[in-house]
C-alpha atoms as a PDB file:
ATOM      1  CA  MET A   1     157.566 244.218 169.659  1.00  0.00           C
ATOM      2  CA  GLY A   2     159.825 246.693 168.979  1.00  0.00           C
ATOM      3  CA  ALA A   3     156.722 248.817 168.975  1.00  0.00           C
ATOM      4  CA  GLU A   4     155.259 247.572 171.748  1.00  0.00           C
ATOM      5  CA  LEU A   5     158.739 248.318 173.458  1.00  0.00           C
ATOM      6  CA  ALA A   6     158.544 252.000 171.967  1.00  0.00           C
ATOM      7  CA  ARG A   7     154.817 252.334 173.610  1.00  0.00           C
ATOM      8  CA  GLN A   8     155.829 250.415 176.922  1.00  0.00           C
ATOM      9  CA  LEU A   9     158.429 252.483 177.521  1.00  0.00           C
ATOM     10  CA  ALA A  10     157.065 255.823 176.639  1.00  0.00           C
ATOM     11  CA  LYS A  11     154.539 255.208 179.687  1.00  0.00           C
ATOM     12  CA  LYS A  12     157.962 254.758 181.257  1.00  0.00           C
ATOM     13  CA  HIS A  13     158.384 258.479 180.340  1.00  0.00           C
ATOM     14  CA  CYS A  14     161.646 257.493 178.424  1.00  0.00           C
ATOM     15  CA  LYS A  15     162.886 259.690 175.545  1.00  0.00           C
ATOM     16  CA  LEU A  16     163.272 257.588 172.464  1.00  0.00           C
ATOM     17  CA  ALA A  17     164.759 256.961 169.277  1.00  0.00           C
ATOM     18  CA  LEU A  18     163.192 254.382 167.131  1.00  0.00           C
ATOM     19  CA  LEU A  19     164.712 252.644 163.840  1.00  0.00           C
ATOM     20  CA  ALA A  20     162.907 250.510 161.157  1.00  0.00           C
ATOM     21  CA  ARG A  21     163.068 250.420 157.341  1.00  0.00           C
ATOM     22  CA  SER A  22     159.426 251.738 157.274  1.00  0.00           C
ATOM     23  CA  LYS A  23     159.178 255.033 157.160  1.00  0.00           C
ATOM     24  CA  ASP A  24     155.368 255.416 156.876  1.00  0.00           C
ATOM     25  CA  LYS A  25     155.000 252.880 160.241  1.00  0.00           C
ATOM     26  CA  LEU A  26     158.027 254.928 162.191  1.00  0.00           C
ATOM     27  CA  GLN A  27     155.822 258.151 161.424  1.00  0.00           C
ATOM     28  CA  ALA A  28     152.586 256.486 162.568  1.00  0.00           C
ATOM     29  CA  LEU A  29     154.036 255.236 165.863  1.00  0.00           C
ATOM     30  CA  GLN A  30     156.125 258.977 166.195  1.00  0.00           C
ATOM     31  CA  GLU A  31     152.769 260.500 165.993  1.00  0.00           C
ATOM     32  CA  GLU A  32     151.188 257.902 168.739  1.00  0.00           C
ATOM     33  CA  LEU A  33     153.335 258.206 171.182  1.00  0.00           C
ATOM     34  CA  GLN A  34     153.728 262.100 170.808  1.00  0.00           C
ATOM     35  CA  SER A  35     150.097 262.310 170.952  1.00  0.00           C
ATOM     36  CA  LYS A  36     150.712 261.310 174.620  1.00  0.00           C
ATOM     37  CA  GLY A  37     153.631 263.698 175.367  1.00  0.00           C
ATOM     38  CA  ALA A  38     156.395 260.936 174.560  1.00  0.00           C
ATOM     39  CA  HIS A  39     159.393 262.396 172.829  1.00  0.00           C
ATOM     40  CA  VAL A  40     159.806 260.033 170.063  1.00  0.00           C
ATOM     41  CA  GLU A  41     162.621 260.741 167.010  1.00  0.00           C
ATOM     42  CA  ILE A  42     162.581 258.609 164.209  1.00  0.00           C
ATOM     43  CA  TYR A  43     165.059 256.786 161.804  1.00  0.00           C
ATOM     44  CA  ALA A  44     163.894 254.692 158.500  1.00  0.00           C
ATOM     45  CA  VAL A  45     167.214 253.046 158.313  1.00  0.00           C
ATOM     46  CA  ASP A  46     167.969 249.254 157.306  1.00  0.00           C
ATOM     47  CA  VAL A  47     170.645 247.657 159.634  1.00  0.00           C
ATOM     48  CA  ARG A  48     172.296 245.937 156.842  1.00  0.00           C
ATOM     49  CA  GLU A  49     173.049 249.590 155.748  1.00  0.00           C
ATOM     50  CA  ARG A  50     176.242 249.944 158.194  1.00  0.00           C
ATOM     51  CA  GLU A  51     176.968 253.736 157.109  1.00  0.00           C
ATOM     52  CA  ALA A  52     173.255 254.988 157.529  1.00  0.00           C
ATOM     53  CA  LEU A  53     172.906 252.867 160.712  1.00  0.00           C
ATOM     54  CA  GLU A  54     176.028 254.989 161.900  1.00  0.00           C
ATOM     55  CA  GLN A  55     174.759 258.280 161.297  1.00  0.00           C
ATOM     56  CA  ALA A  56     171.444 257.248 162.453  1.00  0.00           C
ATOM     57  CA  ILE A  57     172.683 256.359 165.736  1.00  0.00           C
ATOM     58  CA  TYR A  58     175.381 259.551 166.510  1.00  0.00           C
ATOM     59  CA  SER A  59     172.655 261.396 165.413  1.00  0.00           C
ATOM     60  CA  ALA A  60     169.991 259.799 167.866  1.00  0.00           C
ATOM     61  CA  ASN A  61     172.876 260.160 170.705  1.00  0.00           C
ATOM     62  CA  GLU A  62     172.898 264.255 170.082  1.00  0.00           C
ATOM     63  CA  ARG A  63     169.532 264.630 169.915  1.00  0.00           C
ATOM     64  CA  LEU A  64     168.889 262.853 173.175  1.00  0.00           C
ATOM     65  CA  ASN A  65     171.502 264.166 174.917  1.00  0.00           C
ATOM     66  CA  GLY A  66     173.425 260.827 175.271  1.00  0.00           C
ATOM     67  CA  LEU A  67     172.194 256.970 175.435  1.00  0.00           C
ATOM     68  CA  ASP A  68     171.265 255.445 178.460  1.00  0.00           C
ATOM     69  CA  VAL A  69     169.895 252.085 176.980  1.00  0.00           C
ATOM     70  CA  VAL A  70     170.096 250.548 173.492  1.00  0.00           C
ATOM     71  CA  PHE A  71     167.873 247.638 172.031  1.00  0.00           C
ATOM     72  CA  ALA A  72     169.075 245.275 168.956  1.00  0.00           C
ATOM     73  CA  ASN A  73     166.068 244.391 168.119  1.00  0.00           C
ATOM     74  CA  ALA A  74     165.349 244.223 164.381  1.00  0.00           C
ATOM     75  CA  GLY A  75     164.994 240.041 163.006  1.00  0.00           C
ATOM     76  CA  VAL A  76     164.050 237.739 160.203  1.00  0.00           C
ATOM     77  CA  GLY A  77     162.945 234.294 160.696  1.00  0.00           C
ATOM     78  CA  VAL A  78     162.044 231.657 158.262  1.00  0.00           C
ATOM     79  CA  LEU A  79     161.509 228.623 159.885  1.00  0.00           C
ATOM     80  CA  LYS A  80     161.846 225.256 157.408  1.00  0.00           C
ATOM     81  CA  PRO A  81     164.126 222.539 156.689  1.00  0.00           C
ATOM     82  CA  ALA A  82     167.616 223.453 155.530  1.00  0.00           C
ATOM     83  CA  HIS A  83     167.566 222.184 152.096  1.00  0.00           C
ATOM     84  CA  GLN A  84     164.321 224.368 151.632  1.00  0.00           C
ATOM     85  CA  LEU A  85     166.439 227.383 151.982  1.00  0.00           C
ATOM     86  CA  LYS A  86     166.334 229.746 149.964  1.00  0.00           C
ATOM     87  CA  PRO A  87     169.936 232.257 149.276  1.00  0.00           C
ATOM     88  CA  HIS A  88     168.218 235.274 149.899  1.00  0.00           C
ATOM     89  CA  GLN A  89     167.016 234.102 152.935  1.00  0.00           C
ATOM     90  CA  ILE A  90     170.146 232.854 154.194  1.00  0.00           C
ATOM     91  CA  GLU A  91     171.281 235.979 153.293  1.00  0.00           C
ATOM     92  CA  ALA A  92     168.846 237.958 155.061  1.00  0.00           C
ATOM     93  CA  MET A  93     169.022 235.799 158.334  1.00  0.00           C
ATOM     94  CA  ILE A  94     172.807 235.944 158.847  1.00  0.00           C
ATOM     95  CA  GLU A  95     172.974 239.894 157.781  1.00  0.00           C
ATOM     96  CA  VAL A  96     169.958 241.053 160.341  1.00  0.00           C
ATOM     97  CA  ASN A  97     170.026 238.711 162.977  1.00  0.00           C
ATOM     98  CA  TYR A  98     173.603 238.529 163.460  1.00  0.00           C
ATOM     99  CA  VAL A  99     175.685 241.134 161.670  1.00  0.00           C
ATOM    100  CA  GLY A 100     173.045 244.189 161.823  1.00  0.00           C
ATOM    101  CA  ALA A 101     172.603 243.338 165.401  1.00  0.00           C
ATOM    102  CA  ILE A 102     176.565 243.605 166.087  1.00  0.00           C
ATOM    103  CA  ASN A 103     176.926 246.741 164.161  1.00  0.00           C
ATOM    104  CA  THR A 104     173.754 248.353 165.932  1.00  0.00           C
ATOM    105  CA  LEU A 105     175.490 247.403 169.259  1.00  0.00           C
ATOM    106  CA  LEU A 106     179.009 248.213 168.070  1.00  0.00           C
ATOM    107  CA  ILE A 107     178.062 251.735 166.699  1.00  0.00           C
ATOM    108  CA  ALA A 108     176.656 252.506 170.184  1.00  0.00           C
ATOM    109  CA  LEU A 109     179.176 250.977 172.326  1.00  0.00           C
ATOM    110  CA  PRO A 110     181.801 253.669 172.332  1.00  0.00           C
ATOM    111  CA  LEU A 111     179.165 256.467 172.822  1.00  0.00           C
ATOM    112  CA  LEU A 112     178.055 254.430 176.189  1.00  0.00           C
ATOM    113  CA  LEU A 113     181.560 253.919 176.641  1.00  0.00           C
ATOM    114  CA  GLU A 114     182.178 257.739 176.561  1.00  0.00           C
ATOM    115  CA  LYS A 115     179.001 258.768 178.841  1.00  0.00           C
ATOM    116  CA  GLY A 116     180.732 256.062 181.159  1.00  0.00           C
ATOM    117  CA  GLN A 117     177.523 253.757 181.647  1.00  0.00           C
ATOM    118  CA  GLY A 118     174.799 252.214 179.829  1.00  0.00           C
ATOM    119  CA  GLN A 119     173.163 249.134 178.781  1.00  0.00           C
ATOM    120  CA  LEU A 120     173.368 246.826 175.621  1.00  0.00           C
ATOM    121  CA  VAL A 121     170.299 244.575 174.913  1.00  0.00           C
ATOM    122  CA  GLY A 122     170.146 242.265 172.170  1.00  0.00           C
ATOM    123  CA  ILE A 123     166.961 240.482 171.352  1.00  0.00           C
ATOM    124  CA  SER A 124     167.766 236.864 170.854  1.00  0.00           C
ATOM    125  CA  SER A 125     165.769 233.726 171.322  1.00  0.00           C
ATOM    126  CA  ILE A 126     164.869 230.633 173.091  1.00  0.00           C
ATOM    127  CA  ALA A 127     165.659 228.936 169.794  1.00  0.00           C
ATOM    128  CA  SER A 128     169.254 229.812 170.074  1.00  0.00           C
ATOM    129  CA  ILE A 129     170.007 227.096 172.633  1.00  0.00           C
ATOM    130  CA  ARG A 130     170.115 224.096 170.956  1.00  0.00           C
ATOM    131  CA  GLY A 131     169.345 223.105 167.189  1.00  0.00           C
ATOM    132  CA  LEU A 132     165.639 223.202 166.148  1.00  0.00           C
ATOM    133  CA  PRO A 133     163.727 221.358 163.039  1.00  0.00           C
ATOM    134  CA  GLY A 134     163.462 224.257 160.938  1.00  0.00           C
ATOM    135  CA  GLY A 135     165.849 226.071 162.182  1.00  0.00           C
ATOM    136  CA  ALA A 136     168.904 225.406 161.225  1.00  0.00           C
ATOM    137  CA  LEU A 137     169.629 229.464 160.284  1.00  0.00           C
ATOM    138  CA  TYR A 138     167.707 231.416 162.317  1.00  0.00           C
ATOM    139  CA  SER A 139     168.844 229.667 165.352  1.00  0.00           C
ATOM    140  CA  SER A 140     172.284 229.402 164.414  1.00  0.00           C
ATOM    141  CA  THR A 141     172.167 233.583 164.151  1.00  0.00           C
ATOM    142  CA  LYS A 142     170.643 233.899 167.750  1.00  0.00           C
ATOM    143  CA  ALA A 143     173.052 231.517 169.080  1.00  0.00           C
ATOM    144  CA  GLY A 144     175.900 233.680 167.842  1.00  0.00           C
ATOM    145  CA  LEU A 145     174.683 236.523 168.881  1.00  0.00           C
ATOM    146  CA  ASN A 146     174.415 235.183 172.470  1.00  0.00           C
ATOM    147  CA  THR A 147     178.304 234.612 172.516  1.00  0.00           C
ATOM    148  CA  PHE A 148     178.625 237.991 171.010  1.00  0.00           C
ATOM    149  CA  LEU A 149     176.583 239.313 174.099  1.00  0.00           C
ATOM    150  CA  GLU A 150     178.141 237.167 176.712  1.00  0.00           C
ATOM    151  CA  THR A 151     181.571 238.423 175.483  1.00  0.00           C
ATOM    152  CA  LEU A 152     180.356 242.099 175.775  1.00  0.00           C
ATOM    153  CA  ARG A 153     179.700 241.585 178.997  1.00  0.00           C
ATOM    154  CA  VAL A 154     182.641 239.931 180.649  1.00  0.00           C
ATOM    155  CA  GLU A 155     184.938 242.266 178.302  1.00  0.00           C
ATOM    156  CA  TYR A 156     182.821 245.728 179.836  1.00  0.00           C
ATOM    157  CA  ARG A 157     181.437 244.585 183.092  1.00  0.00           C
ATOM    158  CA  ARG A 158     184.601 246.611 184.687  1.00  0.00           C
ATOM    159  CA  LYS A 159     183.335 250.119 182.654  1.00  0.00           C
ATOM    160  CA  ASN A 160     179.990 250.111 184.027  1.00  0.00           C
ATOM    161  CA  ILE A 161     178.025 248.949 180.353  1.00  0.00           C
ATOM    162  CA  GLU A 162     175.450 246.105 180.965  1.00  0.00           C
ATOM    163  CA  VAL A 163     174.495 243.856 178.729  1.00  0.00           C
ATOM    164  CA  THR A 164     171.508 241.721 178.647  1.00  0.00           C
ATOM    165  CA  THR A 165     170.190 238.674 176.502  1.00  0.00           C
ATOM    166  CA  VAL A 166     166.796 238.337 175.540  1.00  0.00           C
ATOM    167  CA  CYS A 167     165.664 234.888 174.454  1.00  0.00           C
ATOM    168  CA  PRO A 168     161.811 235.318 173.856  1.00  0.00           C
ATOM    169  CA  GLY A 169     159.797 231.898 172.745  1.00  0.00           C
ATOM    170  CA  PHE A 170     157.178 232.679 170.692  1.00  0.00           C
ATOM    171  CA  ILE A 171     155.086 236.036 170.677  1.00  0.00           C
ATOM    172  CA  ARG A 172     151.694 236.630 169.043  1.00  0.00           C
ATOM    173  CA  THR A 173     152.853 239.229 166.544  1.00  0.00           C
ATOM    174  CA  PRO A 174     152.613 239.265 162.667  1.00  0.00           C
ATOM    175  CA  MET A 175     156.191 237.813 162.367  1.00  0.00           C
ATOM    176  CA  THR A 176     154.288 234.375 163.789  1.00  0.00           C
ATOM    177  CA  ALA A 177     150.687 234.478 162.680  1.00  0.00           C
ATOM    178  CA  ASP A 178     151.040 231.912 159.484  1.00  0.00           C
ATOM    179  CA  ILE A 179     152.470 229.455 162.712  1.00  0.00           C
ATOM    180  CA  GLU A 180     150.008 230.255 165.322  1.00  0.00           C
ATOM    181  CA  ASP A 181     147.867 227.372 165.829  1.00  0.00           C
ATOM    182  CA  SER A 182     150.492 224.800 165.885  1.00  0.00           C
ATOM    183  CA  ILE A 183     152.305 226.368 168.359  1.00  0.00           C
ATOM    184  CA  PRO A 184     151.848 226.069 172.067  1.00  0.00           C
ATOM    185  CA  PHE A 185     152.907 228.510 174.733  1.00  0.00           C
ATOM    186  CA  MET A 186     152.288 231.512 172.538  1.00  0.00           C
ATOM    187  CA  LEU A 187     152.713 234.916 174.711  1.00  0.00           C
ATOM    188  CA  ASP A 188     150.745 238.314 173.754  1.00  0.00           C
ATOM    189  CA  VAL A 189     153.013 240.829 172.931  1.00  0.00           C
ATOM    190  CA  ASP A 190     152.595 243.444 175.801  1.00  0.00           C
ATOM    191  CA  LYS A 191     153.220 240.435 178.586  1.00  0.00           C
ATOM    192  CA  ALA A 192     156.169 239.743 176.294  1.00  0.00           C
ATOM    193  CA  VAL A 193     157.653 243.156 176.340  1.00  0.00           C
ATOM    194  CA  ALA A 194     156.745 243.946 179.951  1.00  0.00           C
ATOM    195  CA  ILE A 195     158.875 240.642 180.850  1.00  0.00           C
ATOM    196  CA  ILE A 196     161.411 241.958 179.132  1.00  0.00           C
ATOM    197  CA  ILE A 197     161.387 245.549 180.868  1.00  0.00           C
ATOM    198  CA  GLN A 198     161.232 244.620 183.858  1.00  0.00           C
ATOM    199  CA  GLY A 199     164.449 242.246 183.128  1.00  0.00           C
ATOM    200  CA  VAL A 200     166.234 245.057 181.495  1.00  0.00           C
ATOM    201  CA  GLU A 201     165.702 247.408 184.282  1.00  0.00           C
ATOM    202  CA  LEU A 202     166.833 245.000 186.998  1.00  0.00           C
ATOM    203  CA  GLY A 203     170.167 244.495 184.568  1.00  0.00           C
ATOM    204  CA  LYS A 204     169.920 240.672 184.715  1.00  0.00           C
ATOM    205  CA  ALA A 205     172.048 238.980 182.423  1.00  0.00           C
ATOM    206  CA  VAL A 206     169.677 237.009 180.303  1.00  0.00           C
ATOM    207  CA  VAL A 207     165.808 237.702 180.298  1.00  0.00           C
ATOM    208  CA  GLY A 208     163.889 234.275 179.334  1.00  0.00           C
ATOM    209  CA  VAL A 209     160.368 234.889 178.358  1.00  0.00           C
ATOM    210  CA  PRO A 210     158.661 233.363 179.221  1.00  0.00           C
ATOM    211  CA  GLY A 211     161.541 233.070 182.492  1.00  0.00           C
ATOM    212  CA  TRP A 212     160.081 229.286 182.930  1.00  0.00           C
ATOM    213  CA  LEU A 213     160.144 228.126 179.433  1.00  0.00           C
ATOM    214  CA  TYR A 214     163.605 229.362 178.830  1.00  0.00           C
ATOM    215  CA  ASN A 215     164.894 227.632 182.055  1.00  0.00           C
ATOM    216  CA  LEU A 216     162.699 224.721 180.500  1.00  0.00           C
ATOM    217  CA  VAL A 217     164.577 224.372 177.166  1.00  0.00           C
ATOM    218  CA  ASN A 218     167.830 225.325 178.637  1.00  0.00           C
ATOM    219  CA  LEU A 219     167.845 222.259 180.365  1.00  0.00           C
ATOM    220  CA  MET A 220     168.046 220.693 176.737  1.00  0.00           C
ATOM    221  CA  ARG A 221     172.019 221.699 176.979  1.00  0.00           C
ATOM    222  CA  PHE A 222     172.694 218.901 179.121  1.00  0.00           C
ATOM    223  CA  LEU A 223     170.959 216.317 177.329  1.00  0.00           C
ATOM    224  CA  PRO A 224     173.815 214.199 175.509  1.00  0.00           C
ATOM    225  CA  SER A 225     174.306 214.492 172.373  1.00  0.00           C
ATOM    226  CA  GLU A 226     172.917 211.636 170.832  1.00  0.00           C
ATOM    227  CA  LEU A 227     169.884 211.669 173.038  1.00  0.00           C
ATOM    228  CA  TYR A 228     169.195 214.915 172.255  1.00  0.00           C
ATOM    229  CA  THR A 229     168.971 213.930 168.411  1.00  0.00           C
ATOM    230  CA  ARG A 230     166.771 211.744 168.886  1.00  0.00           C
ATOM    231  CA  VAL A 231     164.443 213.558 170.814  1.00  0.00           C
ATOM    232  CA  ALA A 232     164.402 216.583 168.836  1.00  0.00           C
ATOM    233  CA  SER A 233     164.327 214.754 165.371  1.00  0.00           C
ATOM    234  CA  LEU A 234     160.856 213.449 166.357  1.00  0.00           C
ATOM    235  CA  ARG A 235     159.347 216.651 165.099  1.00  0.00           C
ATOM    236  CA  SER A 236     161.538 216.816 161.580  1.00  0.00           C
ATOM    237  CA  LYS A 237     159.727 216.319 158.242  1.00  0.00           C
END
């Protein structure tokens, strides 16, 4: 989804700084976009390595003459019953989905405040709304990110900093390839990204992808806990 975000933003003539772990993939994407006239800086960095992440974001800020919109998009997902989770899977989801996202946004925030404006975008998930079978860690890391983003939105509203929470459902990417056949309402990545960019451009507080599914699942927040538990547990194994 990050690569598709880059492609669609490049078409809008945005200058881009792309951060990811794989240098080879970054270089290939950079070459692809630059061949079409885009300005692209790349940084091979893991969001779990805060010092390297900080250096990359500050370098991007300098090379691009300031940052306008910062996406915290890195994420990992393991959907399985809680007792089957391995220690390394637990650590990865907490460190990437939650700590990594927070570090990305908090490193960028002072740069936006110094500039006097900007937008922070966190990629969460529809799975963050309520606990789902198989999503104990994934859902909770994304729920934590939601609260963090909402707090930023409240704290910096008067400082001209917009904060957008993006909650995708299941998007057709390599991450969902193994479960695609068993999941309804799978959305193509180009369509999902178009919805995200439109919501970011409009400065929305929350962008559901797709919106109708987000609204439907969001209604589940109002179900009494006992009733929700009975309904949701029907899908557990």
